[in-house]
């Protein structure tokens, strides 16, 4: 038994994951391909299968402070632009800051 990513044939987006023995007759739904996920790879719904490799979704970050709020999308494989700073996740207010 192995996990198979159900990949949208048009977009490459992994929309589901199926456990299949690879022997029992089965075909993915129309518009999808089934790609075996190697046991040593982490792949979840929302990843992509492009150029015969599993890839995580793009990373979103903002450039600060000059263009506050401007969103830029890059691939994890792309280098980060020199003038950009990753946006830290929101912080939970401390109990002294809450009303």
PDB file of N, CA and C in Angstrom:
ATOM      1  N   UNK A   1       0.840  -1.182   0.000  1.00  0.00           N
ATOM      2  CA  UNK A   1       0.000   0.000   0.000  1.00  0.00           C
ATOM      3  C   UNK A   1       0.879   1.237   0.000  1.00  0.00           C
ATOM      4  N   UNK A   2       0.416   2.234  -0.724  1.00  0.00           N
ATOM      5  CA  UNK A   2       1.157   3.498  -0.794  1.00  0.00           C
ATOM      6  C   UNK A   2       0.170   4.641  -0.951  1.00  0.00           C
ATOM      7  N   UNK A   3       0.628   5.833  -0.604  1.00  0.00           N
ATOM      8  CA  UNK A   3      -0.172   7.034  -0.803  1.00  0.00           C
ATOM      9  C   UNK A   3       0.034   7.523  -2.225  1.00  0.00           C
ATOM     10  N   UNK A   4      -1.061   7.951  -2.853  1.00  0.00           N
ATOM     11  CA  UNK A   4      -1.024   8.521  -4.192  1.00  0.00           C
ATOM     12  C   UNK A   4      -1.672   9.895  -4.153  1.00  0.00           C
ATOM     13  N   UNK A   5      -0.984  10.868  -4.713  1.00  0.00           N
ATOM     14  CA  UNK A   5      -1.530  12.220  -4.811  1.00  0.00           C
ATOM     15  C   UNK A   5      -2.456  12.272  -6.020  1.00  0.00           C
ATOM     16  N   UNK A   6      -3.648  12.811  -5.809  1.00  0.00           N
ATOM     17  CA  UNK A   6      -4.558  13.036  -6.928  1.00  0.00           C
ATOM     18  C   UNK A   6      -4.308  14.457  -7.410  1.00  0.00           C
ATOM     19  N   UNK A   7      -3.674  14.542  -8.568  1.00  0.00           N
ATOM     20  CA  UNK A   7      -3.171  15.804  -9.102  1.00  0.00           C
ATOM     21  C   UNK A   7      -4.090  16.300 -10.210  1.00  0.00           C
ATOM     22  N   UNK A   8      -4.544  17.551 -10.072  1.00  0.00           N
ATOM     23  CA  UNK A   8      -5.339  18.184 -11.115  1.00  0.00           C
ATOM     24  C   UNK A   8      -4.478  18.257 -12.378  1.00  0.00           C
ATOM     25  N   UNK A   9      -4.953  17.654 -13.465  1.00  0.00           N
ATOM     26  CA  UNK A   9      -4.166  17.568 -14.708  1.00  0.00           C
ATOM     27  C   UNK A   9      -3.887  18.933 -15.321  1.00  0.00           C
ATOM     28  N   UNK A  10      -4.720  19.917 -15.031  1.00  0.00           N
ATOM     29  CA  UNK A  10      -4.554  21.241 -15.614  1.00  0.00           C
ATOM     30  C   UNK A  10      -3.623  22.118 -14.791  1.00  0.00           C
ATOM     31  N   UNK A  11      -3.816  22.133 -13.473  1.00  0.00           N
ATOM     32  CA  UNK A  11      -3.085  23.064 -12.612  1.00  0.00           C
ATOM     33  C   UNK A  11      -1.891  22.457 -11.896  1.00  0.00           C
ATOM     34  N   UNK A  12      -1.868  21.135 -11.758  1.00  0.00           N
ATOM     35  CA  UNK A  12      -0.806  20.478 -10.992  1.00  0.00           C
ATOM     36  C   UNK A  12      -1.066  20.480  -9.495  1.00  0.00           C
ATOM     37  N   UNK A  13      -2.204  21.047  -9.067  1.00  0.00           N
ATOM     38  CA  UNK A  13      -2.551  21.114  -7.651  1.00  0.00           C
ATOM     39  C   UNK A  13      -2.956  19.745  -7.128  1.00  0.00           C
ATOM     40  N   UNK A  14      -2.413  19.368  -5.975  1.00  0.00           N
ATOM     41  CA  UNK A  14      -2.819  18.113  -5.334  1.00  0.00           C
ATOM     42  C   UNK A  14      -4.105  18.385  -4.565  1.00  0.00           C
ATOM     43  N   UNK A  15      -5.185  17.765  -5.013  1.00  0.00           N
ATOM     44  CA  UNK A  15      -6.503  18.025  -4.438  1.00  0.00           C
ATOM     45  C   UNK A  15      -6.984  16.929  -3.499  1.00  0.00           C
ATOM     46  N   UNK A  16      -6.300  15.788  -3.504  1.00  0.00           N
ATOM     47  CA  UNK A  16      -6.673  14.712  -2.588  1.00  0.00           C
ATOM     48  C   UNK A  16      -5.510  13.721  -2.537  1.00  0.00           C
ATOM     49  N   UNK A  17      -5.544  12.851  -1.558  1.00  0.00           N
ATOM     50  CA  UNK A  17      -4.541  11.793  -1.427  1.00  0.00           C
ATOM     51  C   UNK A  17      -5.284  10.489  -1.161  1.00  0.00           C
ATOM     52  N   UNK A  18      -4.898   9.448  -1.899  1.00  0.00           N
ATOM     53  CA  UNK A  18      -5.562   8.148  -1.776  1.00  0.00           C
ATOM     54  C   UNK A  18      -4.556   7.086  -1.374  1.00  0.00           C
ATOM     55  N   UNK A  19      -5.010   6.134  -0.578  1.00  0.00           N
ATOM     56  CA  UNK A  19      -4.205   4.966  -0.223  1.00  0.00           C
ATOM     57  C   UNK A  19      -4.601   3.866  -1.202  1.00  0.00           C
ATOM     58  N   UNK A  20      -3.632   3.359  -1.963  1.00  0.00           N
ATOM     59  CA  UNK A  20      -3.922   2.379  -3.012  1.00  0.00           C
ATOM     60  C   UNK A  20      -2.813   1.346  -3.050  1.00  0.00           C
ATOM     61  N   UNK A  21      -3.181   0.101  -3.311  1.00  0.00           N
ATOM     62  CA  UNK A  21      -2.176  -0.962  -3.366  1.00  0.00           C
ATOM     63  C   UNK A  21      -1.434  -1.002  -4.700  1.00  0.00           C
ATOM     64  N   UNK A  22      -1.885  -0.221  -5.685  1.00  0.00           N
ATOM     65  CA  UNK A  22      -1.230  -0.185  -6.989  1.00  0.00           C
ATOM     66  C   UNK A  22      -1.544  -1.380  -7.869  1.00  0.00           C
ATOM     67  N   UNK A  23      -2.333  -2.321  -7.355  1.00  0.00           N
ATOM     68  CA  UNK A  23      -2.657  -3.537  -8.098  1.00  0.00           C
ATOM     69  C   UNK A  23      -4.153  -3.600  -8.398  1.00  0.00           C
ATOM     70  N   UNK A  24      -4.974  -3.369  -7.399  1.00  0.00           N
ATOM     71  CA  UNK A  24      -6.423  -3.408  -7.566  1.00  0.00           C
ATOM     72  C   UNK A  24      -6.821  -2.423  -8.662  1.00  0.00           C
ATOM     73  N   UNK A  25      -7.667  -2.863  -9.613  1.00  0.00           N
ATOM     74  CA  UNK A  25      -8.072  -1.949 -10.690  1.00  0.00           C
ATOM     75  C   UNK A  25      -8.720  -0.671 -10.127  1.00  0.00           C
ATOM     76  N   UNK A  26      -8.157   0.452 -10.503  1.00  0.00           N
ATOM     77  CA  UNK A  26      -8.662   1.758 -10.074  1.00  0.00           C
ATOM     78  C   UNK A  26      -8.075   2.815 -10.981  1.00  0.00           C
ATOM     79  N   UNK A  27      -8.868   3.811 -11.292  1.00  0.00           N
ATOM     80  CA  UNK A  27      -8.390   4.941 -12.064  1.00  0.00           C
ATOM     81  C   UNK A  27      -8.803   6.216 -11.351  1.00  0.00           C
ATOM     82  N   UNK A  28      -7.964   7.230 -11.388  1.00  0.00           N
ATOM     83  CA  UNK A  28      -8.359   8.496 -10.768  1.00  0.00           C
ATOM     84  C   UNK A  28      -9.525   9.116 -11.534  1.00  0.00           C
ATOM     85  N   UNK A  29     -10.255  10.014 -10.888  1.00  0.00           N
ATOM     86  CA  UNK A  29     -11.374  10.668 -11.571  1.00  0.00           C
ATOM     87  C   UNK A  29     -10.906  11.418 -12.822  1.00  0.00           C
ATOM     88  N   UNK A  30     -11.829  11.692 -13.728  1.00  0.00           N
ATOM     89  CA  UNK A  30     -11.506  12.448 -14.942  1.00  0.00           C
ATOM     90  C   UNK A  30     -10.874  13.785 -14.568  1.00  0.00           C
ATOM     91  N   UNK A  31      -9.822  14.153 -15.269  1.00  0.00           N
ATOM     92  CA  UNK A  31      -9.141  15.416 -15.018  1.00  0.00           C
ATOM     93  C   UNK A  31      -8.055  15.344 -13.961  1.00  0.00           C
ATOM     94  N   UNK A  32      -7.777  14.124 -13.474  1.00  0.00           N
ATOM     95  CA  UNK A  32      -6.762  13.944 -12.435  1.00  0.00           C
ATOM     96  C   UNK A  32      -5.786  12.845 -12.823  1.00  0.00           C
ATOM     97  N   UNK A  33      -4.563  12.957 -12.334  1.00  0.00           N
ATOM     98  CA  UNK A  33      -3.548  11.908 -12.441  1.00  0.00           C
ATOM     99  C   UNK A  33      -3.226  11.430 -11.033  1.00  0.00           C
ATOM    100  N   UNK A  34      -2.858  10.173 -10.898  1.00  0.00           N
ATOM    101  CA  UNK A  34      -2.419   9.633  -9.614  1.00  0.00           C
ATOM    102  C   UNK A  34      -0.902   9.486  -9.648  1.00  0.00           C
ATOM    103  N   UNK A  35      -0.228  10.150  -8.709  1.00  0.00           N
ATOM    104  CA  UNK A  35       1.233  10.090  -8.620  1.00  0.00           C
ATOM    105  C   UNK A  35       1.617   9.510  -7.268  1.00  0.00           C
ATOM    106  N   UNK A  36       2.397   8.437  -7.273  1.00  0.00           N
ATOM    107  CA  UNK A  36       2.809   7.819  -6.016  1.00  0.00           C
ATOM    108  C   UNK A  36       3.700   8.766  -5.220  1.00  0.00           C
ATOM    109  N   UNK A  37       3.405   8.879  -3.938  1.00  0.00           N
ATOM    110  CA  UNK A  37       4.192   9.727  -3.045  1.00  0.00           C
ATOM    111  C   UNK A  37       5.258   8.855  -2.394  1.00  0.00           C
ATOM    112  N   UNK A  38       6.533   9.147  -2.630  1.00  0.00           N
ATOM    113  CA  UNK A  38       7.593   8.355  -1.987  1.00  0.00           C
ATOM    114  C   UNK A  38       7.458   8.409  -0.466  1.00  0.00           C
ATOM    115  N   UNK A  39       7.760   7.316   0.196  1.00  0.00           N
ATOM    116  CA  UNK A  39       7.587   7.234   1.651  1.00  0.00           C
ATOM    117  C   UNK A  39       8.472   8.217   2.407  1.00  0.00           C
ATOM    118  N   UNK A  40       9.532   8.705   1.772  1.00  0.00           N
ATOM    119  CA  UNK A  40      10.424   9.636   2.458  1.00  0.00           C
ATOM    120  C   UNK A  40      10.093  11.104   2.172  1.00  0.00           C
ATOM    121  N   UNK A  41       8.969  11.372   1.485  1.00  0.00           N
ATOM    122  CA  UNK A  41       8.580  12.753   1.175  1.00  0.00           C
ATOM    123  C   UNK A  41       7.341  13.148   1.955  1.00  0.00           C
ATOM    124  N   UNK A  42       7.289  14.422   2.374  1.00  0.00           N
ATOM    125  CA  UNK A  42       6.117  14.981   3.030  1.00  0.00           C
ATOM    126  C   UNK A  42       5.310  15.712   1.971  1.00  0.00           C
ATOM    127  N   UNK A  43       4.091  15.242   1.718  1.00  0.00           N
ATOM    128  CA  UNK A  43       3.206  15.845   0.717  1.00  0.00           C
ATOM    129  C   UNK A  43       1.804  15.874   1.313  1.00  0.00           C
ATOM    130  N   UNK A  44       1.135  17.028   1.170  1.00  0.00           N
ATOM    131  CA  UNK A  44      -0.235  17.148   1.648  1.00  0.00           C
ATOM    132  C   UNK A  44      -1.079  17.837   0.581  1.00  0.00           C
ATOM    133  N   UNK A  45      -2.399  17.796   0.776  1.00  0.00           N
ATOM    134  CA  UNK A  45      -3.312  18.505  -0.111  1.00  0.00           C
ATOM    135  C   UNK A  45      -2.914  19.976  -0.112  1.00  0.00           C
ATOM    136  N   UNK A  46      -2.882  20.573  -1.299  1.00  0.00           N
ATOM    137  CA  UNK A  46      -2.461  21.966  -1.431  1.00  0.00           C
ATOM    138  C   UNK A  46      -1.058  22.099  -2.000  1.00  0.00           C
ATOM    139  N   UNK A  47      -0.286  21.015  -1.976  1.00  0.00           N
ATOM    140  CA  UNK A  47       1.013  21.012  -2.633  1.00  0.00           C
ATOM    141  C   UNK A  47       0.778  20.908  -4.144  1.00  0.00           C
ATOM    142  N   UNK A  48       1.864  20.963  -4.907  1.00  0.00           N
ATOM    143  CA  UNK A  48       1.791  20.841  -6.358  1.00  0.00           C
ATOM    144  C   UNK A  48       2.682  19.712  -6.823  1.00  0.00           C
ATOM    145  N   UNK A  49       2.326  19.147  -7.964  1.00  0.00           N
ATOM    146  CA  UNK A  49       3.181  18.180  -8.647  1.00  0.00           C
ATOM    147  C   UNK A  49       3.519  18.807  -9.991  1.00  0.00           C
ATOM    148  N   UNK A  50       4.724  19.369 -10.098  1.00  0.00           N
ATOM    149  CA  UNK A  50       5.164  20.079 -11.294  1.00  0.00           C
ATOM    150  C   UNK A  50       6.544  19.569 -11.690  1.00  0.00           C
ATOM    151  N   UNK A  51       6.744  19.399 -12.975  1.00  0.00           N
ATOM    152  CA  UNK A  51       8.037  18.922 -13.486  1.00  0.00           C
ATOM    153  C   UNK A  51       8.486  17.644 -12.787  1.00  0.00           C
ATOM    154  N   UNK A  52       7.532  16.738 -12.557  1.00  0.00           N
ATOM    155  CA  UNK A  52       7.803  15.434 -11.939  1.00  0.00           C
ATOM    156  C   UNK A  52       8.336  15.527 -10.514  1.00  0.00           C
ATOM    157  N   UNK A  53       8.033  16.621  -9.817  1.00  0.00           N
ATOM    158  CA  UNK A  53       8.435  16.748  -8.417  1.00  0.00           C
ATOM    159  C   UNK A  53       7.283  17.321  -7.598  1.00  0.00           C
ATOM    160  N   UNK A  54       7.236  16.902  -6.332  1.00  0.00           N
ATOM    161  CA  UNK A  54       6.253  17.456  -5.399  1.00  0.00           C
ATOM    162  C   UNK A  54       6.810  18.754  -4.845  1.00  0.00           C
ATOM    163  N   UNK A  55       5.973  19.813  -4.829  1.00  0.00           N
ATOM    164  CA  UNK A  55       6.431  21.122  -4.390  1.00  0.00           C
ATOM    165  C   UNK A  55       5.408  21.750  -3.455  1.00  0.00           C
ATOM    166  N   UNK A  56       5.868  22.407  -2.394  1.00  0.00           N
ATOM    167  CA  UNK A  56       4.935  23.099  -1.497  1.00  0.00           C
ATOM    168  C   UNK A  56       4.361  24.327  -2.197  1.00  0.00           C
ATOM    169  N   UNK A  57       3.254  24.860  -1.679  1.00  0.00           N
ATOM    170  CA  UNK A  57       2.680  26.062  -2.288  1.00  0.00           C
ATOM    171  C   UNK A  57       3.620  27.253  -2.115  1.00  0.00           C
ATOM    172  N   UNK A  58       3.335  28.313  -2.847  1.00  0.00           N
ATOM    173  CA  UNK A  58       4.150  29.528  -2.786  1.00  0.00           C
ATOM    174  C   UNK A  58       4.081  30.139  -1.398  1.00  0.00           C
ATOM    175  N   UNK A  59       5.095  30.952  -1.073  1.00  0.00           N
ATOM    176  CA  UNK A  59       5.168  31.659   0.200  1.00  0.00           C
ATOM    177  C   UNK A  59       4.744  33.102  -0.031  1.00  0.00           C
ATOM    178  N   UNK A  60       3.944  33.635   0.877  1.00  0.00           N
ATOM    179  CA  UNK A  60       3.527  35.028   0.792  1.00  0.00           C
ATOM    180  C   UNK A  60       4.284  35.824   1.844  1.00  0.00           C
ATOM    181  N   UNK A  61       4.784  36.972   1.446  1.00  0.00           N
ATOM    182  CA  UNK A  61       5.416  37.850   2.409  1.00  0.00           C
ATOM    183  C   UNK A  61       5.300  39.285   1.918  1.00  0.00           C
ATOM    184  N   UNK A  62       5.492  40.224   2.792  1.00  0.00           N
ATOM    185  CA  UNK A  62       5.390  41.642   2.454  1.00  0.00           C
ATOM    186  C   UNK A  62       6.756  42.284   2.507  1.00  0.00           C
ATOM    187  N   UNK A  63       6.919  43.327   1.721  1.00  0.00           N
ATOM    188  CA  UNK A  63       8.128  44.111   1.827  1.00  0.00           C
ATOM    189  C   UNK A  63       7.857  45.220   2.834  1.00  0.00           C
ATOM    190  N   UNK A  64       8.810  45.488   3.694  1.00  0.00           N
ATOM    191  CA  UNK A  64       8.630  46.488   4.751  1.00  0.00           C
ATOM    192  C   UNK A  64       9.844  47.400   4.801  1.00  0.00           C
ATOM    193  N   UNK A  65       9.778  48.600   5.252  1.00  0.00           N
ATOM    194  CA  UNK A  65       8.567  49.344   5.556  1.00  0.00           C
ATOM    195  C   UNK A  65       8.074  50.171   4.382  1.00  0.00           C
ATOM    196  N   UNK A  66       8.883  50.287   3.299  1.00  0.00           N
ATOM    197  CA  UNK A  66       8.550  51.194   2.199  1.00  0.00           C
ATOM    198  C   UNK A  66       7.190  50.897   1.562  1.00  0.00           C
ATOM    199  N   UNK A  67       6.865  49.638   1.382  1.00  0.00           N
ATOM    200  CA  UNK A  67       5.626  49.292   0.687  1.00  0.00           C
ATOM    201  C   UNK A  67       4.745  48.454   1.603  1.00  0.00           C
ATOM    202  N   UNK A  68       4.489  48.958   2.769  1.00  0.00           N
ATOM    203  CA  UNK A  68       3.701  48.225   3.762  1.00  0.00           C
ATOM    204  C   UNK A  68       2.402  47.720   3.150  1.00  0.00           C
ATOM    205  N   UNK A  69       2.164  46.456   3.279  1.00  0.00           N
ATOM    206  CA  UNK A  69       0.930  45.857   2.794  1.00  0.00           C
ATOM    207  C   UNK A  69       1.025  45.286   1.392  1.00  0.00           C
ATOM    208  N   UNK A  70       2.067  45.617   0.632  1.00  0.00           N
ATOM    209  CA  UNK A  70       2.207  45.053  -0.703  1.00  0.00           C
ATOM    210  C   UNK A  70       2.539  43.574  -0.571  1.00  0.00           C
ATOM    211  N   UNK A  71       1.809  42.736  -1.272  1.00  0.00           N
ATOM    212  CA  UNK A  71       2.036  41.295  -1.192  1.00  0.00           C
ATOM    213  C   UNK A  71       2.849  40.831  -2.392  1.00  0.00           C
ATOM    214  N   UNK A  72       3.796  39.989  -2.130  1.00  0.00           N
ATOM    215  CA  UNK A  72       4.635  39.411  -3.170  1.00  0.00           C
ATOM    216  C   UNK A  72       4.582  37.901  -2.996  1.00  0.00           C
ATOM    217  N   UNK A  73       4.464  37.180  -4.096  1.00  0.00           N
ATOM    218  CA  UNK A  73       4.439  35.722  -4.043  1.00  0.00           C
ATOM    219  C   UNK A  73       5.717  35.211  -4.677  1.00  0.00           C
ATOM    220  N   UNK A  74       6.386  34.328  -3.963  1.00  0.00           N
ATOM    221  CA  UNK A  74       7.571  33.688  -4.521  1.00  0.00           C
ATOM    222  C   UNK A  74       7.467  32.194  -4.297  1.00  0.00           C
ATOM    223  N   UNK A  75       8.193  31.471  -5.065  1.00  0.00           N
ATOM    224  CA  UNK A  75       8.310  30.039  -4.869  1.00  0.00           C
ATOM    225  C   UNK A  75       9.354  29.803  -3.791  1.00  0.00           C
ATOM    226  N   UNK A  76       9.204  28.746  -2.998  1.00  0.00           N
ATOM    227  CA  UNK A  76      10.220  28.464  -1.981  1.00  0.00           C
ATOM    228  C   UNK A  76      11.617  28.305  -2.584  1.00  0.00           C
ATOM    229  N   UNK A  77      11.696  27.947  -3.846  1.00  0.00           N
ATOM    230  CA  UNK A  77      12.990  27.749  -4.481  1.00  0.00           C
ATOM    231  C   UNK A  77      13.624  29.067  -4.925  1.00  0.00           C
ATOM    232  N   UNK A  78      12.806  30.143  -5.038  1.00  0.00           N
ATOM    233  CA  UNK A  78      13.326  31.437  -5.473  1.00  0.00           C
ATOM    234  C   UNK A  78      14.056  32.125  -4.335  1.00  0.00           C
ATOM    235  N   UNK A  79      15.119  32.856  -4.651  1.00  0.00           N
ATOM    236  CA  UNK A  79      15.797  33.608  -3.595  1.00  0.00           C
ATOM    237  C   UNK A  79      14.914  34.770  -3.137  1.00  0.00           C
ATOM    238  N   UNK A  80      15.041  35.141  -1.892  1.00  0.00           N
ATOM    239  CA  UNK A  80      14.266  36.250  -1.354  1.00  0.00           C
ATOM    240  C   UNK A  80      14.872  37.554  -1.852  1.00  0.00           C
ATOM    241  N   UNK A  81      14.043  38.495  -2.370  1.00  0.00           N
ATOM    242  CA  UNK A  81      14.580  39.779  -2.822  1.00  0.00           C
ATOM    243  C   UNK A  81      15.317  40.478  -1.678  1.00  0.00           C
ATOM    244  N   UNK A  82      16.376  41.220  -2.022  1.00  0.00           N
ATOM    245  CA  UNK A  82      17.221  41.863  -1.019  1.00  0.00           C
ATOM    246  C   UNK A  82      16.476  42.890  -0.182  1.00  0.00           C
ATOM    247  N   UNK A  83      15.482  43.579  -0.761  1.00  0.00           N
ATOM    248  CA  UNK A  83      14.791  44.646  -0.037  1.00  0.00           C
ATOM    249  C   UNK A  83      13.539  44.158   0.688  1.00  0.00           C
ATOM    250  N   UNK A  84      13.403  42.864   0.877  1.00  0.00           N
ATOM    251  CA  UNK A  84      12.198  42.321   1.499  1.00  0.00           C
ATOM    252  C   UNK A  84      12.505  41.705   2.849  1.00  0.00           C
ATOM    253  N   UNK A  85      11.532  41.781   3.718  1.00  0.00           N
ATOM    254  CA  UNK A  85      11.648  41.208   5.047  1.00  0.00           C
ATOM    255  C   UNK A  85      10.452  40.291   5.270  1.00  0.00           C
ATOM    256  N   UNK A  86      10.656  39.038   5.646  1.00  0.00           N
ATOM    257  CA  UNK A  86       9.512  38.174   5.927  1.00  0.00           C
ATOM    258  C   UNK A  86       8.658  38.769   7.041  1.00  0.00           C
ATOM    259  N   UNK A  87       7.358  38.600   6.907  1.00  0.00           N
ATOM    260  CA  UNK A  87       6.442  39.101   7.919  1.00  0.00           C
ATOM    261  C   UNK A  87       6.299  38.043   9.000  1.00  0.00           C
ATOM    262  N   UNK A  88       6.573  38.400  10.260  1.00  0.00           N
ATOM    263  CA  UNK A  88       6.425  37.406  11.327  1.00  0.00           C
ATOM    264  C   UNK A  88       4.953  37.101  11.559  1.00  0.00           C
ATOM    265  N   UNK A  89       4.642  35.926  12.088  1.00  0.00           N
ATOM    266  CA  UNK A  89       3.241  35.608  12.364  1.00  0.00           C
ATOM    267  C   UNK A  89       2.690  36.535  13.440  1.00  0.00           C
ATOM    268  N   UNK A  90       1.368  36.760  13.436  1.00  0.00           N
ATOM    269  CA  UNK A  90       0.792  37.629  14.455  1.00  0.00           C
ATOM    270  C   UNK A  90       1.049  37.065  15.852  1.00  0.00           C
ATOM    271  N   UNK A  91       1.287  37.944  16.796  1.00  0.00           N
ATOM    272  CA  UNK A  91       1.542  37.540  18.169  1.00  0.00           C
ATOM    273  C   UNK A  91       0.257  37.625  18.983  1.00  0.00           C
ATOM    274  N   UNK A  92       0.039  36.663  19.835  1.00  0.00           N
ATOM    275  CA  UNK A  92      -1.112  36.672  20.724  1.00  0.00           C
ATOM    276  C   UNK A  92      -0.864  37.743  21.780  1.00  0.00           C
ATOM    277  N   UNK A  93      -1.876  38.619  22.022  1.00  0.00           N
ATOM    278  CA  UNK A  93      -1.663  39.667  23.038  1.00  0.00           C
ATOM    279  C   UNK A  93      -1.425  39.048  24.408  1.00  0.00           C
ATOM    280  N   UNK A  94      -0.572  39.690  25.173  1.00  0.00           N
ATOM    281  CA  UNK A  94      -0.323  39.207  26.533  1.00  0.00           C
ATOM    282  C   UNK A  94      -1.555  39.511  27.393  1.00  0.00           C
ATOM    283  N   UNK A  95      -1.657  38.862  28.516  1.00  0.00           N
ATOM    284  CA  UNK A  95      -2.823  39.048  29.381  1.00  0.00           C
ATOM    285  C   UNK A  95      -2.915  40.495  29.901  1.00  0.00           C
ATOM    286  N   UNK A  96      -1.809  41.216  29.953  1.00  0.00           N
ATOM    287  CA  UNK A  96      -1.847  42.614  30.425  1.00  0.00           C
ATOM    288  C   UNK A  96      -2.362  43.542  29.338  1.00  0.00           C
ATOM    289  N   UNK A  97      -2.301  43.116  28.057  1.00  0.00           N
ATOM    290  CA  UNK A  97      -2.779  43.962  26.961  1.00  0.00           C
ATOM    291  C   UNK A  97      -4.250  43.764  26.682  1.00  0.00           C
ATOM    292  N   UNK A  98      -4.839  42.681  27.162  1.00  0.00           N
ATOM    293  CA  UNK A  98      -6.238  42.398  26.907  1.00  0.00           C
ATOM    294  C   UNK A  98      -7.117  43.251  27.816  1.00  0.00           C
ATOM    295  N   UNK A  99      -8.316  43.596  27.323  1.00  0.00           N
ATOM    296  CA  UNK A  99      -9.250  44.401  28.124  1.00  0.00           C
ATOM    297  C   UNK A  99      -9.911  43.581  29.192  1.00  0.00           C
TER     298      UNK A  99
END
